Amino acid sequence: MMAFIEQEANEKVEEIDAKAEEEFNIEKGRLVQTQRVKIMEYYEKKEKQIEQHKKIQMSNLMNQSRLKVLKARDDMIADLLHEARQRLAEIAQDPAMYSTLMEGLLLQGFYRLLEPKVTVRCRQQDVEMVQAAVNKNIPIYKEAVKSNIVVKIDMERFLPSDICGGVEMYNDNGKIKVSNTLESRLELMAQQVECENLFNVQLWLLQHLKVVPSVCLWRAALPISYST
């Protein structure tokens, strides 16, 4: 009887051990799977953070590179404009070139204003040249627009003598102004070509100012200003 009871107890112990082992394996598998999912989610999150960080770094590097390129372009354009301004000062030293340029600047101003009475303001040293250009252009203007024009040179207020040259033109009451100084023409050219690449800017400024300044400085669209 004791042997039977001991055998039955051993079988019961084995059954309990087997069930405990099974439950342990099930719980262990569940815990392992739960932790595996958490670890996978953790590293997926880390990968996304790293990828996002890489994208931010790449974007910052690209922006820095763009800024460097833009700065280099702006510096080059500034140098070219500085050189162009120096060359502008040389134009007035050539009477034939400056006279031709002055005629173009005045005639363009006449066409831009389209006023019956125009006042011209220039440097004091350019008065004779401006008067000659005005006398030459009045018949051309009359023939082109079929209208009369009276032009007066302002002998009381002159443009600063240290500018490179050119003229300012006003209607009869002085409320409409066309600035056609060489500096204003260069500034307008710079605005018109600032969207072009640096090579084209270099060619535009150097070639035109060096080879055909009398054309490039007045052929661009001329701004006009109004005062009340």
C-alpha atoms as a PDB file:
ATOM      1  CA  MET A   1       0.000   0.000   0.000  1.00  0.00           C
ATOM      2  CA  MET A   2       2.844   2.392   0.846  1.00  0.00           C
ATOM      3  CA  ALA A   3       4.545   1.619  -2.478  1.00  0.00           C
ATOM      4  CA  PHE A   4       1.304   2.319  -4.346  1.00  0.00           C
ATOM      5  CA  ILE A   5       0.822   5.642  -2.551  1.00  0.00           C
ATOM      6  CA  GLU A   6       4.465   6.611  -3.195  1.00  0.00           C
ATOM      7  CA  GLN A   7       4.134   5.765  -6.923  1.00  0.00           C
ATOM      8  CA  GLU A   8       0.915   7.740  -7.221  1.00  0.00           C
ATOM      9  CA  ALA A   9       2.571  10.680  -5.451  1.00  0.00           C
ATOM     10  CA  ASN A  10       5.547  10.526  -7.819  1.00  0.00           C
ATOM     11  CA  GLU A  11       3.200  10.491 -10.827  1.00  0.00           C
ATOM     12  CA  LYS A  12       1.337  13.463  -9.381  1.00  0.00           C
ATOM     13  CA  VAL A  13       4.645  15.316  -8.874  1.00  0.00           C
ATOM     14  CA  GLU A  14       5.706  14.531 -12.442  1.00  0.00           C
ATOM     15  CA  GLU A  15       2.346  15.770 -13.712  1.00  0.00           C
ATOM     16  CA  ILE A  16       2.681  19.000 -11.720  1.00  0.00           C
ATOM     17  CA  ASP A  17       6.274  19.453 -12.925  1.00  0.00           C
ATOM     18  CA  ALA A  18       5.230  18.862 -16.538  1.00  0.00           C
ATOM     19  CA  LYS A  19       2.369  21.343 -16.260  1.00  0.00           C
ATOM     20  CA  ALA A  20       4.617  23.894 -14.538  1.00  0.00           C
ATOM     21  CA  GLU A  21       7.253  23.412 -17.264  1.00  0.00           C
ATOM     22  CA  GLU A  22       4.624  23.902 -19.956  1.00  0.00           C
ATOM     23  CA  GLU A  23       3.235  27.035 -18.302  1.00  0.00           C
ATOM     24  CA  PHE A  24       6.775  28.309 -17.820  1.00  0.00           C
ATOM     25  CA  ASN A  25       7.622  27.809 -21.488  1.00  0.00           C
ATOM     26  CA  ILE A  26       4.372  29.484 -22.524  1.00  0.00           C
ATOM     27  CA  GLU A  27       5.015  32.479 -20.239  1.00  0.00           C
ATOM     28  CA  LYS A  28       8.649  32.650 -21.308  1.00  0.00           C
ATOM     29  CA  GLY A  29       7.641  32.637 -24.975  1.00  0.00           C
ATOM     30  CA  ARG A  30       5.098  35.365 -24.323  1.00  0.00           C
ATOM     31  CA  LEU A  31       7.646  37.494 -22.464  1.00  0.00           C
ATOM     32  CA  VAL A  32      10.278  36.878 -25.122  1.00  0.00           C
ATOM     33  CA  GLN A  33       7.864  37.812 -27.892  1.00  0.00           C
ATOM     34  CA  THR A  34       6.734  40.932 -26.010  1.00  0.00           C
ATOM     35  CA  GLN A  35      10.310  42.060 -25.443  1.00  0.00           C
ATOM     36  CA  ARG A  36      11.226  41.211 -29.045  1.00  0.00           C
ATOM     37  CA  VAL A  37       8.390  43.453 -30.283  1.00  0.00           C
ATOM     38  CA  LYS A  38       9.502  46.223 -27.922  1.00  0.00           C
ATOM     39  CA  ILE A  39      13.118  45.899 -29.064  1.00  0.00           C
ATOM     40  CA  MET A  40      12.053  45.952 -32.741  1.00  0.00           C
ATOM     41  CA  GLU A  41       9.892  49.008 -32.143  1.00  0.00           C
ATOM     42  CA  TYR A  42      12.725  50.696 -30.264  1.00  0.00           C
ATOM     43  CA  TYR A  43      15.227  50.132 -33.066  1.00  0.00           C
ATOM     44  CA  GLU A  44      12.715  51.086 -35.748  1.00  0.00           C
ATOM     45  CA  LYS A  45      12.191  54.336 -33.879  1.00  0.00           C
ATOM     46  CA  LYS A  46      15.956  54.787 -33.606  1.00  0.00           C
ATOM     47  CA  GLU A  47      16.379  54.138 -37.333  1.00  0.00           C
ATOM     48  CA  LYS A  48      13.710  56.710 -38.136  1.00  0.00           C
ATOM     49  CA  GLN A  49      15.376  59.231 -35.824  1.00  0.00           C
ATOM     50  CA  ILE A  50      18.766  58.573 -37.423  1.00  0.00           C
ATOM     51  CA  GLU A  51      17.261  58.861 -40.908  1.00  0.00           C
ATOM     52  CA  GLN A  52      15.523  62.107 -39.958  1.00  0.00           C
ATOM     53  CA  HIS A  53      18.755  63.416 -38.457  1.00  0.00           C
ATOM     54  CA  LYS A  54      20.622  62.519 -41.648  1.00  0.00           C
ATOM     55  CA  LYS A  55      18.014  64.321 -43.744  1.00  0.00           C
ATOM     56  CA  ILE A  56      18.271  67.419 -41.524  1.00  0.00           C
ATOM     57  CA  GLN A  57      22.069  67.348 -41.718  1.00  0.00           C
ATOM     58  CA  MET A  58      21.945  66.895 -45.501  1.00  0.00           C
ATOM     59  CA  SER A  59      19.475  69.763 -45.809  1.00  0.00           C
ATOM     60  CA  ASN A  60      21.677  71.994 -43.636  1.00  0.00           C
ATOM     61  CA  LEU A  61      24.752  71.106 -45.681  1.00  0.00           C
ATOM     62  CA  MET A  62      22.910  71.819 -48.937  1.00  0.00           C
ATOM     63  CA  ASN A  63      21.663  75.152 -47.585  1.00  0.00           C
ATOM     64  CA  GLN A  64      25.156  76.081 -46.446  1.00  0.00           C
ATOM     65  CA  SER A  65      26.491  75.121 -49.859  1.00  0.00           C
ATOM     66  CA  ARG A  66      23.834  77.244 -51.588  1.00  0.00           C
ATOM     67  CA  LEU A  67      24.632  80.180 -49.335  1.00  0.00           C
ATOM     68  CA  LYS A  68      28.333  79.853 -50.135  1.00  0.00           C
ATOM     69  CA  VAL A  69      27.581  79.733 -53.862  1.00  0.00           C
ATOM     70  CA  LEU A  70      25.277  82.751 -53.610  1.00  0.00           C
ATOM     71  CA  LYS A  71      27.825  84.675 -51.560  1.00  0.00           C
ATOM     72  CA  ALA A  72      30.581  83.831 -54.029  1.00  0.00           C
ATOM     73  CA  ARG A  73      28.332  84.946 -56.896  1.00  0.00           C
ATOM     74  CA  ASP A  74      27.348  88.154 -55.112  1.00  0.00           C
ATOM     75  CA  ASP A  75      30.986  88.900 -54.300  1.00  0.00           C
ATOM     76  CA  MET A  76      31.963  88.340 -57.918  1.00  0.00           C
ATOM     77  CA  ILE A  77      29.115  90.541 -59.175  1.00  0.00           C
ATOM     78  CA  ALA A  78      30.085  93.236 -56.664  1.00  0.00           C
ATOM     79  CA  ASP A  79      33.687  93.096 -57.920  1.00  0.00           C
ATOM     80  CA  LEU A  80      32.525  93.287 -61.522  1.00  0.00           C
ATOM     81  CA  LEU A  81      30.225  96.215 -60.772  1.00  0.00           C
ATOM     82  CA  HIS A  82      33.058  97.983 -58.987  1.00  0.00           C
ATOM     83  CA  GLU A  83      35.272  97.474 -62.028  1.00  0.00           C
ATOM     84  CA  ALA A  84      32.439  98.633 -64.277  1.00  0.00           C
ATOM     85  CA  ARG A  85      32.014 101.845 -62.253  1.00  0.00           C
ATOM     86  CA  GLN A  86      35.711 102.514 -62.614  1.00  0.00           C
ATOM     87  CA  ARG A  87      35.422 102.078 -66.377  1.00  0.00           C
ATOM     88  CA  LEU A  88      32.382 104.346 -66.498  1.00  0.00           C
ATOM     89  CA  ALA A  89      34.561 107.188 -65.304  1.00  0.00           C
ATOM     90  CA  GLU A  90      36.750 106.647 -68.365  1.00  0.00           C
ATOM     91  CA  ILE A  91      33.879 107.060 -70.840  1.00  0.00           C
ATOM     92  CA  ALA A  92      33.584 110.808 -70.285  1.00  0.00           C
ATOM     93  CA  GLN A  93      37.302 111.121 -71.035  1.00  0.00           C
ATOM     94  CA  ASP A  94      36.635 110.111 -74.648  1.00  0.00           C
ATOM     95  CA  PRO A  95      34.718 113.034 -76.236  1.00  0.00           C
ATOM     96  CA  ALA A  96      33.598 111.087 -79.299  1.00  0.00           C
ATOM     97  CA  MET A  97      32.307 108.111 -77.292  1.00  0.00           C
ATOM     98  CA  TYR A  98      30.717 110.274 -74.610  1.00  0.00           C
ATOM     99  CA  SER A  99      29.033 112.514 -77.176  1.00  0.00           C
ATOM    100  CA  THR A 100      27.446 109.515 -78.905  1.00  0.00           C
ATOM    101  CA  LEU A 101      26.357 108.110 -75.587  1.00  0.00           C
ATOM    102  CA  MET A 102      24.878 111.451 -74.507  1.00  0.00           C
ATOM    103  CA  GLU A 103      22.807 111.645 -77.687  1.00  0.00           C
ATOM    104  CA  GLY A 104      21.369 108.213 -76.988  1.00  0.00           C
ATOM    105  CA  LEU A 105      20.618 109.021 -73.357  1.00  0.00           C
ATOM    106  CA  LEU A 106      18.806 112.253 -74.255  1.00  0.00           C
ATOM    107  CA  LEU A 107      16.774 110.789 -77.114  1.00  0.00           C
ATOM    108  CA  GLN A 108      15.711 107.862 -74.967  1.00  0.00           C
ATOM    109  CA  GLY A 109      14.614 110.294 -72.260  1.00  0.00           C
ATOM    110  CA  PHE A 110      12.563 112.288 -74.760  1.00  0.00           C
ATOM    111  CA  TYR A 111      10.775 109.130 -75.906  1.00  0.00           C
ATOM    112  CA  ARG A 112      10.210 108.042 -72.320  1.00  0.00           C
ATOM    113  CA  LEU A 113       8.724 111.354 -71.179  1.00  0.00           C
ATOM    114  CA  LEU A 114       6.765 112.244 -74.337  1.00  0.00           C
ATOM    115  CA  GLU A 115       6.279 115.750 -72.932  1.00  0.00           C
ATOM    116  CA  PRO A 116       6.083 119.002 -74.937  1.00  0.00           C
ATOM    117  CA  LYS A 117       8.440 120.742 -72.492  1.00  0.00           C
ATOM    118  CA  VAL A 118      11.478 119.030 -70.985  1.00  0.00           C
ATOM    119  CA  THR A 119      14.120 120.257 -68.548  1.00  0.00           C
ATOM    120  CA  VAL A 120      17.531 118.604 -68.657  1.00  0.00           C
ATOM    121  CA  ARG A 121      19.916 118.577 -65.720  1.00  0.00           C
ATOM    122  CA  CYS A 122      23.552 117.612 -66.284  1.00  0.00           C
ATOM    123  CA  ARG A 123      27.033 118.156 -64.909  1.00  0.00           C
ATOM    124  CA  GLN A 124      28.251 121.692 -65.344  1.00  0.00           C
ATOM    125  CA  GLN A 125      31.196 120.542 -67.476  1.00  0.00           C
ATOM    126  CA  ASP A 126      28.801 118.761 -69.860  1.00  0.00           C
ATOM    127  CA  VAL A 127      26.560 121.738 -70.705  1.00  0.00           C
ATOM    128  CA  GLU A 128      28.000 122.376 -74.175  1.00  0.00           C
ATOM    129  CA  MET A 129      27.930 118.716 -75.128  1.00  0.00           C
ATOM    130  CA  VAL A 130      24.371 118.325 -73.848  1.00  0.00           C
ATOM    131  CA  GLN A 131      23.227 121.400 -75.770  1.00  0.00           C
ATOM    132  CA  ALA A 132      24.748 120.041 -78.977  1.00  0.00           C
ATOM    133  CA  ALA A 133      23.079 116.642 -78.376  1.00  0.00           C
ATOM    134  CA  VAL A 134      19.738 118.336 -77.698  1.00  0.00           C
ATOM    135  CA  ASN A 135      19.940 120.371 -80.920  1.00  0.00           C
ATOM    136  CA  LYS A 136      20.727 117.205 -82.855  1.00  0.00           C
ATOM    137  CA  ASN A 137      17.959 115.113 -81.285  1.00  0.00           C
ATOM    138  CA  ILE A 138      15.053 117.566 -81.459  1.00  0.00           C
ATOM    139  CA  PRO A 139      14.512 117.103 -85.237  1.00  0.00           C
ATOM    140  CA  ILE A 140      14.822 113.330 -84.836  1.00  0.00           C
ATOM    141  CA  TYR A 141      12.225 113.338 -82.045  1.00  0.00           C
ATOM    142  CA  LYS A 142       9.821 115.598 -83.965  1.00  0.00           C
ATOM    143  CA  GLU A 143      10.037 113.377 -87.023  1.00  0.00           C
ATOM    144  CA  ALA A 144       9.457 110.216 -84.980  1.00  0.00           C
ATOM    145  CA  VAL A 145       6.511 111.313 -82.806  1.00  0.00           C
ATOM    146  CA  LYS A 146       5.087 114.051 -85.027  1.00  0.00           C
ATOM    147  CA  SER A 147       5.033 116.455 -82.094  1.00  0.00           C
ATOM    148  CA  ASN A 148       6.942 119.536 -81.064  1.00  0.00           C
ATOM    149  CA  ILE A 149       9.271 119.627 -78.063  1.00  0.00           C
ATOM    150  CA  VAL A 150      10.949 122.466 -76.173  1.00  0.00           C
ATOM    151  CA  VAL A 151      14.073 121.520 -74.233  1.00  0.00           C
ATOM    152  CA  LYS A 152      15.718 123.657 -71.570  1.00  0.00           C
ATOM    153  CA  ILE A 153      18.965 122.937 -69.784  1.00  0.00           C
ATOM    154  CA  ASP A 154      18.799 123.739 -66.085  1.00  0.00           C
ATOM    155  CA  MET A 155      21.593 126.263 -65.534  1.00  0.00           C
ATOM    156  CA  GLU A 156      20.881 126.735 -61.829  1.00  0.00           C
ATOM    157  CA  ARG A 157      21.027 123.193 -60.505  1.00  0.00           C
ATOM    158  CA  PHE A 158      23.658 120.873 -61.907  1.00  0.00           C
ATOM    159  CA  LEU A 159      24.341 117.217 -61.258  1.00  0.00           C
ATOM    160  CA  PRO A 160      27.331 116.528 -58.979  1.00  0.00           C
ATOM    161  CA  SER A 161      30.571 116.908 -60.901  1.00  0.00           C
ATOM    162  CA  ASP A 162      32.002 113.715 -59.392  1.00  0.00           C
ATOM    163  CA  ILE A 163      29.449 111.392 -61.014  1.00  0.00           C
ATOM    164  CA  CYS A 164      30.485 109.552 -64.161  1.00  0.00           C
ATOM    165  CA  GLY A 165      28.127 111.450 -66.422  1.00  0.00           C
ATOM    166  CA  GLY A 166      24.695 111.334 -68.028  1.00  0.00           C
ATOM    167  CA  VAL A 167      21.572 113.410 -67.460  1.00  0.00           C
ATOM    168  CA  GLU A 168      18.348 113.688 -65.495  1.00  0.00           C
ATOM    169  CA  MET A 169      15.232 114.825 -67.343  1.00  0.00           C
ATOM    170  CA  TYR A 170      11.990 116.339 -66.025  1.00  0.00           C
ATOM    171  CA  ASN A 171       8.642 117.354 -67.412  1.00  0.00           C
ATOM    172  CA  ASP A 172       7.541 120.991 -67.255  1.00  0.00           C
ATOM    173  CA  ASN A 173       6.323 120.939 -63.621  1.00  0.00           C
ATOM    174  CA  GLY A 174       9.142 118.694 -62.432  1.00  0.00           C
ATOM    175  CA  LYS A 175       6.855 115.935 -61.156  1.00  0.00           C
ATOM    176  CA  ILE A 176       7.966 113.332 -63.681  1.00  0.00           C
ATOM    177  CA  LYS A 177      11.628 112.402 -63.709  1.00  0.00           C
ATOM    178  CA  VAL A 178      13.761 110.157 -65.899  1.00  0.00           C
ATOM    179  CA  SER A 179      17.186 109.406 -64.471  1.00  0.00           C
ATOM    180  CA  ASN A 180      19.652 108.631 -67.215  1.00  0.00           C
ATOM    181  CA  THR A 181      22.952 109.068 -65.452  1.00  0.00           C
ATOM    182  CA  LEU A 182      25.619 106.471 -66.143  1.00  0.00           C
ATOM    183  CA  GLU A 183      25.370 105.235 -62.545  1.00  0.00           C
ATOM    184  CA  SER A 184      21.608 104.734 -62.846  1.00  0.00           C
ATOM    185  CA  ARG A 185      22.064 102.859 -66.130  1.00  0.00           C
ATOM    186  CA  LEU A 186      24.636 100.567 -64.554  1.00  0.00           C
ATOM    187  CA  GLU A 187      22.343  99.936 -61.591  1.00  0.00           C
ATOM    188  CA  LEU A 188      19.480  99.077 -63.925  1.00  0.00           C
ATOM    189  CA  MET A 189      21.704  96.709 -65.876  1.00  0.00           C
ATOM    190  CA  ALA A 190      22.770  95.013 -62.638  1.00  0.00           C
ATOM    191  CA  GLN A 191      19.122  94.492 -61.656  1.00  0.00           C
ATOM    192  CA  GLN A 192      18.252  93.052 -65.050  1.00  0.00           C
ATOM    193  CA  VAL A 193      21.071  90.534 -65.085  1.00  0.00           C
ATOM    194  CA  GLU A 194      21.124  89.520 -61.402  1.00  0.00           C
ATOM    195  CA  CYS A 195      19.036  86.429 -62.177  1.00  0.00           C
ATOM    196  CA  GLU A 196      21.508  85.229 -64.803  1.00  0.00           C
ATOM    197  CA  ASN A 197      24.448  82.996 -63.987  1.00  0.00           C
ATOM    198  CA  LEU A 198      27.789  84.481 -63.106  1.00  0.00           C
ATOM    199  CA  PHE A 199      29.366  83.760 -66.466  1.00  0.00           C
ATOM    200  CA  ASN A 200      26.673  85.671 -68.323  1.00  0.00           C
ATOM    201  CA  VAL A 201      26.936  88.546 -65.853  1.00  0.00           C
ATOM    202  CA  GLN A 202      30.671  88.723 -66.425  1.00  0.00           C
ATOM    203  CA  LEU A 203      30.251  88.743 -70.198  1.00  0.00           C
ATOM    204  CA  TRP A 204      27.446  91.315 -70.017  1.00  0.00           C
ATOM    205  CA  LEU A 205      29.341  93.783 -67.885  1.00  0.00           C
ATOM    206  CA  LEU A 206      32.865  93.380 -69.229  1.00  0.00           C
ATOM    207  CA  GLN A 207      32.102  92.951 -72.916  1.00  0.00           C
ATOM    208  CA  HIS A 208      29.472  95.663 -73.150  1.00  0.00           C
ATOM    209  CA  LEU A 209      31.255  98.211 -71.020  1.00  0.00           C
ATOM    210  CA  LYS A 210      34.552  97.542 -72.746  1.00  0.00           C
ATOM    211  CA  VAL A 211      33.387  97.214 -76.330  1.00  0.00           C
ATOM    212  CA  VAL A 212      30.106  99.069 -76.838  1.00  0.00           C
ATOM    213  CA  PRO A 213      29.363 101.277 -73.815  1.00  0.00           C
ATOM    214  CA  SER A 214      27.453 103.781 -75.898  1.00  0.00           C
ATOM    215  CA  VAL A 215      24.880 101.106 -76.697  1.00  0.00           C
ATOM    216  CA  CYS A 216      24.594  99.052 -73.527  1.00  0.00           C
ATOM    217  CA  LEU A 217      24.169 101.980 -71.155  1.00  0.00           C
ATOM    218  CA  TRP A 218      20.953 103.273 -72.703  1.00  0.00           C
ATOM    219  CA  ARG A 219      19.313 100.406 -74.572  1.00  0.00           C
ATOM    220  CA  ALA A 220      17.736  98.771 -71.479  1.00  0.00           C
ATOM    221  CA  ALA A 221      14.212  99.623 -70.355  1.00  0.00           C
ATOM    222  CA  LEU A 222      14.331 103.043 -68.721  1.00  0.00           C
ATOM    223  CA  PRO A 223      12.609 103.578 -65.347  1.00  0.00           C
ATOM    224  CA  ILE A 224      10.510 106.648 -64.742  1.00  0.00           C
ATOM    225  CA  SER A 225       9.596 108.210 -61.391  1.00  0.00           C
ATOM    226  CA  TYR A 226       6.754 110.481 -60.310  1.00  0.00           C
ATOM    227  CA  SER A 227       6.478 112.944 -57.432  1.00  0.00           C
ATOM    228  CA  THR A 228       3.406 114.582 -55.974  1.00  0.00           C
END
